[in-house]
C-alpha cells in the first residue's frame, strides 16, 4: 500500500510533422526502389522462388502490389 495517494499523469504533445505522409519515408529519403511483392515470396526455403503450381498466388500478389 502506498503512503500517499497516487494519481496517474499523462502528457500530451503535439505531433511533430504530418500524421500521414503521402509517400513512404524511405522512398522520400531515396533509400531504394520498391521491390515487387512477388519477388519477395519464397517456398520452403529462402531463395526458392519456384512459381510452378503457384501462378494464382503470384497473380493475386501482383494485383495487390499494383494498388499500393
Protein backbone atom coordinates (compact mmCIF):
# COMPACT_ATOMS: atom_id res chain seq x y z
CA UNK A 1 0.00 0.00 0.00
CA UNK A 2 1.29 3.47 -0.87
CA UNK A 3 1.68 6.05 1.87
CA UNK A 4 0.32 8.82 -0.35
CA UNK A 5 -2.45 8.82 -2.85
CA UNK A 6 -1.14 8.20 -6.31
CA UNK A 7 -2.60 9.70 -9.46
CA UNK A 8 -1.67 8.73 -12.96
CA UNK A 9 -0.45 11.55 -15.11
CA UNK A 10 -0.39 11.98 -18.80
CA UNK A 11 1.41 14.33 -21.08
CA UNK A 12 0.03 15.28 -24.44
CA UNK A 13 2.42 16.61 -27.01
CA UNK A 14 1.59 17.98 -30.41
CA UNK A 15 2.74 15.70 -33.24
CA UNK A 16 5.96 16.56 -34.98
CA UNK A 17 5.44 16.62 -38.73
CA UNK A 18 2.42 15.36 -40.62
CA UNK A 19 0.41 12.48 -39.20
CA UNK A 20 0.14 10.76 -42.58
CA UNK A 21 2.76 11.01 -45.28
CA UNK A 22 1.84 10.91 -48.95
CA UNK A 23 4.76 8.55 -49.69
CA UNK A 24 6.82 6.16 -47.55
CA UNK A 25 9.59 7.98 -45.69
CA UNK A 26 12.33 5.68 -47.01
CA UNK A 27 11.23 6.36 -50.58
CA UNK A 28 11.32 10.10 -49.94
CA UNK A 29 14.81 9.75 -48.49
CA UNK A 30 15.93 7.90 -51.64
CA UNK A 31 16.72 4.69 -49.75
CA UNK A 32 15.97 2.24 -52.58
CA UNK A 33 13.39 1.35 -55.18
CA UNK A 34 10.34 -0.56 -54.07
CA UNK A 35 10.62 -4.33 -54.59
CA UNK A 36 7.75 -6.22 -56.18
CA UNK A 37 5.88 -8.33 -53.61
CA UNK A 38 6.01 -11.43 -55.81
CA UNK A 39 9.81 -11.18 -55.86
CA UNK A 40 9.91 -11.49 -52.05
CA UNK A 41 7.96 -14.77 -51.73
CA UNK A 42 9.96 -17.98 -51.30
CA UNK A 43 8.73 -21.55 -50.85
CA UNK A 44 10.09 -23.97 -48.21
CA UNK A 45 13.45 -22.16 -48.05
CA UNK A 46 14.97 -18.75 -48.76
CA UNK A 47 15.65 -18.24 -52.44
CA UNK A 48 13.32 -20.97 -53.70
CA UNK A 49 11.07 -18.95 -55.97
CA UNK A 50 9.66 -21.87 -57.96
CA UNK A 51 6.42 -20.49 -59.37
CA UNK A 52 5.19 -23.78 -60.78
CA UNK A 53 1.74 -24.50 -59.37
CA UNK A 54 1.56 -21.08 -57.70
CA UNK A 55 0.58 -18.91 -60.64
CA UNK A 56 -2.70 -17.92 -58.97
CA UNK A 57 -0.89 -16.72 -55.85
CA UNK A 58 1.55 -14.68 -57.89
CA UNK A 59 -1.29 -13.15 -59.91
CA UNK A 60 -3.08 -12.09 -56.72
CA UNK A 61 0.15 -10.65 -55.30
CA UNK A 62 0.72 -8.73 -58.49
CA UNK A 63 -2.82 -7.33 -58.33
CA UNK A 64 -2.34 -6.25 -54.72
CA UNK A 65 1.08 -4.75 -55.39
CA UNK A 66 -0.26 -2.64 -58.24
CA UNK A 67 -2.79 -0.98 -55.92
CA UNK A 68 -0.20 0.06 -53.34
